Amino acid sequence: MDHRLVPQLDGYRLTVAEIFYRLPDHPSLLQTFIWQDYDLVPKYPVLHGFLAFWRENLDGELHSVRVASREVITPDEISVVDAQYTLQ
């Protein structure tokens, strides 16, 4: 089974965050960083973990974060296959 499918079946959604941060050498300027991963809505533990890593290890001070998420697989798109046949 695809390693990306299992989290989606457990409720994870594809999440994209646009992170605005201040440039270390020019704090009056903002830069953006796009982050994407599978995460649980609405608490976003994976995103919060990444932002904690950012604060502890990177020089750019965080300004703001915009988040969007979407279910990639919905229940009506999943079907169980009872058999598989191969023709030669």
N, C-alpha and C. Protein backbone atom coordinates (compact mmCIF):
# COMPACT_ATOMS: atom_id res chain seq x y z
N MET A 1 0.85 -1.18 0.00
CA MET A 1 0.00 0.00 0.00
C MET A 1 0.89 1.24 0.00
N ASP A 2 0.48 2.24 -0.72
CA ASP A 2 1.23 3.49 -0.84
C ASP A 2 1.36 4.16 0.54
N HIS A 3 2.58 4.58 0.90
CA HIS A 3 2.81 5.20 2.21
C HIS A 3 2.05 6.51 2.38
N ARG A 4 1.60 7.14 1.29
CA ARG A 4 0.83 8.38 1.39
C ARG A 4 -0.66 8.10 1.60
N LEU A 5 -1.11 6.89 1.29
CA LEU A 5 -2.52 6.55 1.40
C LEU A 5 -2.94 6.31 2.85
N VAL A 6 -2.10 5.65 3.62
CA VAL A 6 -2.45 5.29 5.00
C VAL A 6 -2.79 6.51 5.86
N PRO A 7 -1.97 7.57 5.87
CA PRO A 7 -2.35 8.74 6.67
C PRO A 7 -3.69 9.34 6.24
N GLN A 8 -3.96 9.33 4.94
CA GLN A 8 -5.21 9.90 4.46
C GLN A 8 -6.41 9.10 4.96
N LEU A 9 -6.26 7.80 5.06
CA LEU A 9 -7.34 6.97 5.58
C LEU A 9 -7.53 7.18 7.08
N ASP A 10 -6.47 7.65 7.76
CA ASP A 10 -6.54 7.93 9.20
C ASP A 10 -7.00 9.35 9.50
N GLY A 11 -7.43 10.10 8.49
CA GLY A 11 -7.97 11.44 8.72
C GLY A 11 -7.03 12.58 8.40
N TYR A 12 -5.83 12.28 7.97
CA TYR A 12 -4.90 13.35 7.61
C TYR A 12 -5.34 13.97 6.29
N ARG A 13 -5.11 15.27 6.16
CA ARG A 13 -5.44 16.01 4.93
C ARG A 13 -4.19 16.66 4.40
N LEU A 14 -4.16 16.83 3.08
CA LEU A 14 -3.06 17.56 2.48
C LEU A 14 -3.15 19.00 2.96
N THR A 15 -2.10 19.50 3.56
CA THR A 15 -2.08 20.82 4.16
C THR A 15 -0.95 21.64 3.56
N VAL A 16 -1.28 22.85 3.18
CA VAL A 16 -0.29 23.78 2.63
C VAL A 16 -0.27 25.02 3.52
N ALA A 17 0.92 25.44 3.90
CA ALA A 17 1.06 26.65 4.73
C ALA A 17 1.98 27.63 4.00
N GLU A 18 1.53 28.87 3.92
CA GLU A 18 2.36 29.94 3.41
C GLU A 18 2.91 30.67 4.63
N ILE A 19 4.19 30.56 4.83
CA ILE A 19 4.84 31.10 6.02
C ILE A 19 5.54 32.41 5.65
N PHE A 20 5.17 33.46 6.33
CA PHE A 20 5.82 34.76 6.14
C PHE A 20 6.82 34.95 7.28
N TYR A 21 8.05 35.30 6.90
CA TYR A 21 9.08 35.51 7.93
C TYR A 21 9.94 36.72 7.57
N ARG A 22 10.57 37.25 8.59
CA ARG A 22 11.43 38.43 8.40
C ARG A 22 12.83 37.97 8.01
N LEU A 23 13.42 38.66 7.05
CA LEU A 23 14.79 38.35 6.67
C LEU A 23 15.73 38.73 7.81
N PRO A 24 16.64 37.85 8.20
CA PRO A 24 17.53 38.14 9.33
C PRO A 24 18.35 39.42 9.16
N ASP A 25 18.85 39.67 7.95
CA ASP A 25 19.70 40.84 7.73
C ASP A 25 18.90 42.11 7.46
N HIS A 26 17.62 41.96 7.08
CA HIS A 26 16.75 43.09 6.77
C HIS A 26 15.37 42.83 7.37
N PRO A 27 15.21 43.01 8.69
CA PRO A 27 13.96 42.65 9.36
C PRO A 27 12.72 43.40 8.88
N SER A 28 12.89 44.48 8.15
CA SER A 28 11.73 45.20 7.64
C SER A 28 11.14 44.53 6.39
N LEU A 29 11.88 43.56 5.82
CA LEU A 29 11.41 42.85 4.62
C LEU A 29 10.85 41.49 5.00
N LEU A 30 9.75 41.11 4.33
CA LEU A 30 9.16 39.80 4.55
C LEU A 30 9.46 38.90 3.37
N GLN A 31 9.68 37.64 3.66
CA GLN A 31 9.90 36.60 2.65
C GLN A 31 8.85 35.51 2.89
N THR A 32 8.56 34.71 1.88
CA THR A 32 7.60 33.63 2.06
C THR A 32 8.27 32.28 1.84
N PHE A 33 7.72 31.29 2.52
CA PHE A 33 8.15 29.90 2.39
C PHE A 33 6.89 29.06 2.30
N ILE A 34 6.82 28.14 1.34
CA ILE A 34 5.65 27.28 1.20
C ILE A 34 5.99 25.91 1.79
N TRP A 35 5.18 25.47 2.71
CA TRP A 35 5.34 24.16 3.37
C TRP A 35 4.15 23.31 3.01
N GLN A 36 4.36 22.01 2.74
CA GLN A 36 3.26 21.11 2.41
C GLN A 36 3.53 19.75 3.01
N ASP A 37 2.50 19.19 3.65
CA ASP A 37 2.60 17.86 4.25
C ASP A 37 1.18 17.40 4.57
N TYR A 38 1.05 16.17 5.03
CA TYR A 38 -0.25 15.67 5.50
C TYR A 38 -0.35 15.98 6.98
N ASP A 39 -1.52 16.50 7.41
CA ASP A 39 -1.68 16.92 8.79
C ASP A 39 -3.13 16.72 9.23
N LEU A 40 -3.34 16.70 10.54
CA LEU A 40 -4.68 16.54 11.11
C LEU A 40 -5.32 17.90 11.35
N VAL A 41 -6.50 18.08 10.82
CA VAL A 41 -7.25 19.32 10.97
C VAL A 41 -8.18 19.18 12.17
N PRO A 42 -8.37 20.12 13.05
CA PRO A 42 -7.95 21.51 13.02
C PRO A 42 -6.73 21.81 13.89
N LYS A 43 -6.13 20.81 14.53
CA LYS A 43 -5.03 21.10 15.47
C LYS A 43 -3.67 21.23 14.78
N TYR A 44 -3.49 20.65 13.61
CA TYR A 44 -2.27 20.74 12.83
C TYR A 44 -1.01 20.41 13.63
N PRO A 45 -0.90 19.21 14.21
CA PRO A 45 0.29 18.90 15.01
C PRO A 45 1.58 18.85 14.19
N VAL A 46 1.51 18.41 12.94
CA VAL A 46 2.72 18.34 12.11
C VAL A 46 3.22 19.76 11.78
N LEU A 47 2.30 20.64 11.43
CA LEU A 47 2.67 22.03 11.14
C LEU A 47 3.23 22.71 12.39
N HIS A 48 2.59 22.51 13.54
CA HIS A 48 3.10 23.11 14.78
C HIS A 48 4.50 22.60 15.10
N GLY A 49 4.75 21.32 14.83
CA GLY A 49 6.09 20.77 15.04
C GLY A 49 7.11 21.43 14.13
N PHE A 50 6.73 21.64 12.88
CA PHE A 50 7.64 22.32 11.94
C PHE A 50 7.90 23.75 12.38
N LEU A 51 6.86 24.46 12.81
CA LEU A 51 7.04 25.85 13.24
C LEU A 51 7.90 25.93 14.50
N ALA A 52 7.77 24.95 15.40
CA ALA A 52 8.63 24.91 16.59
C ALA A 52 10.09 24.69 16.17
N PHE A 53 10.30 23.79 15.21
CA PHE A 53 11.66 23.58 14.68
C PHE A 53 12.20 24.88 14.08
N TRP A 54 11.36 25.58 13.34
CA TRP A 54 11.77 26.85 12.70
C TRP A 54 12.24 27.83 13.78
N ARG A 55 11.41 28.03 14.81
CA ARG A 55 11.74 29.00 15.87
C ARG A 55 13.06 28.65 16.57
N GLU A 56 13.30 27.36 16.77
CA GLU A 56 14.49 26.93 17.51
C GLU A 56 15.76 26.93 16.67
N ASN A 57 15.65 26.72 15.35
CA ASN A 57 16.84 26.48 14.55
C ASN A 57 17.10 27.47 13.42
N LEU A 58 16.15 28.28 13.06
CA LEU A 58 16.35 29.20 11.94
C LEU A 58 16.35 30.65 12.42
N ASP A 59 17.03 31.51 11.67
CA ASP A 59 17.19 32.90 12.08
C ASP A 59 16.02 33.79 11.71
N GLY A 60 15.26 33.44 10.68
CA GLY A 60 14.17 34.30 10.24
C GLY A 60 13.00 34.28 11.21
N GLU A 61 12.70 35.43 11.81
CA GLU A 61 11.58 35.52 12.76
C GLU A 61 10.25 35.35 12.02
N LEU A 62 9.38 34.50 12.55
CA LEU A 62 8.07 34.27 11.93
C LEU A 62 7.19 35.51 12.06
N HIS A 63 6.51 35.84 11.00
CA HIS A 63 5.59 36.96 10.99
C HIS A 63 4.15 36.46 11.03
N SER A 64 3.78 35.59 10.09
CA SER A 64 2.42 35.04 10.04
C SER A 64 2.41 33.78 9.20
N VAL A 65 1.31 33.02 9.33
CA VAL A 65 1.16 31.77 8.59
C VAL A 65 -0.28 31.69 8.09
N ARG A 66 -0.43 31.38 6.79
CA ARG A 66 -1.75 31.12 6.20
C ARG A 66 -1.81 29.64 5.88
N VAL A 67 -2.92 29.00 6.25
CA VAL A 67 -3.05 27.55 6.10
C VAL A 67 -4.27 27.20 5.27
N ALA A 68 -4.10 26.22 4.39
CA ALA A 68 -5.21 25.66 3.63
C ALA A 68 -5.05 24.15 3.65
N SER A 69 -6.17 23.43 3.73
CA SER A 69 -6.10 21.98 3.70
C SER A 69 -7.30 21.42 2.96
N ARG A 70 -7.11 20.22 2.43
CA ARG A 70 -8.17 19.59 1.67
C ARG A 70 -8.02 18.08 1.77
N GLU A 71 -9.16 17.40 1.86
CA GLU A 71 -9.13 15.95 1.80
C GLU A 71 -8.78 15.54 0.39
N VAL A 72 -7.78 14.71 0.25
CA VAL A 72 -7.38 14.25 -1.06
C VAL A 72 -8.25 13.07 -1.47
N ILE A 73 -8.50 12.18 -0.51
CA ILE A 73 -9.36 11.03 -0.76
C ILE A 73 -10.61 11.19 0.10
N THR A 74 -11.75 11.12 -0.54
CA THR A 74 -13.01 11.20 0.20
C THR A 74 -13.63 9.80 0.24
N PRO A 75 -14.52 9.54 1.20
CA PRO A 75 -15.07 8.19 1.36
C PRO A 75 -15.72 7.62 0.09
N ASP A 76 -16.35 8.44 -0.73
CA ASP A 76 -17.00 7.89 -1.91
C ASP A 76 -16.02 7.54 -3.02
N GLU A 77 -14.75 7.88 -2.87
CA GLU A 77 -13.75 7.54 -3.87
C GLU A 77 -13.02 6.24 -3.55
N ILE A 78 -13.28 5.65 -2.40
CA ILE A 78 -12.61 4.43 -1.99
C ILE A 78 -13.53 3.25 -2.26
N SER A 79 -13.00 2.24 -2.92
CA SER A 79 -13.77 1.02 -3.13
C SER A 79 -12.88 -0.17 -2.83
N VAL A 80 -13.47 -1.22 -2.30
CA VAL A 80 -12.73 -2.41 -1.93
C VAL A 80 -12.76 -3.37 -3.12
N VAL A 81 -11.59 -3.90 -3.44
CA VAL A 81 -11.48 -4.85 -4.54
C VAL A 81 -11.47 -6.25 -3.95
N ASP A 82 -12.42 -7.10 -4.41
CA ASP A 82 -12.49 -8.47 -3.89
C ASP A 82 -11.51 -9.41 -4.58
N ALA A 83 -11.20 -9.14 -5.83
CA ALA A 83 -10.31 -10.04 -6.58
C ALA A 83 -9.54 -9.24 -7.61
N GLN A 84 -8.41 -9.80 -8.02
CA GLN A 84 -7.62 -9.19 -9.06
C GLN A 84 -7.22 -10.28 -10.02
N TYR A 85 -7.44 -10.06 -11.30
CA TYR A 85 -7.14 -11.05 -12.33
C TYR A 85 -6.10 -10.49 -13.28
N THR A 86 -5.18 -11.34 -13.70
CA THR A 86 -4.16 -10.94 -14.66
C THR A 86 -4.34 -11.78 -15.92
N LEU A 87 -4.46 -11.09 -17.06
CA LEU A 87 -4.58 -11.76 -18.34
C LEU A 87 -3.28 -11.63 -19.10
N GLN A 88 -2.90 -12.72 -19.75
CA GLN A 88 -1.64 -12.67 -20.51
C GLN A 88 -1.92 -12.84 -21.98
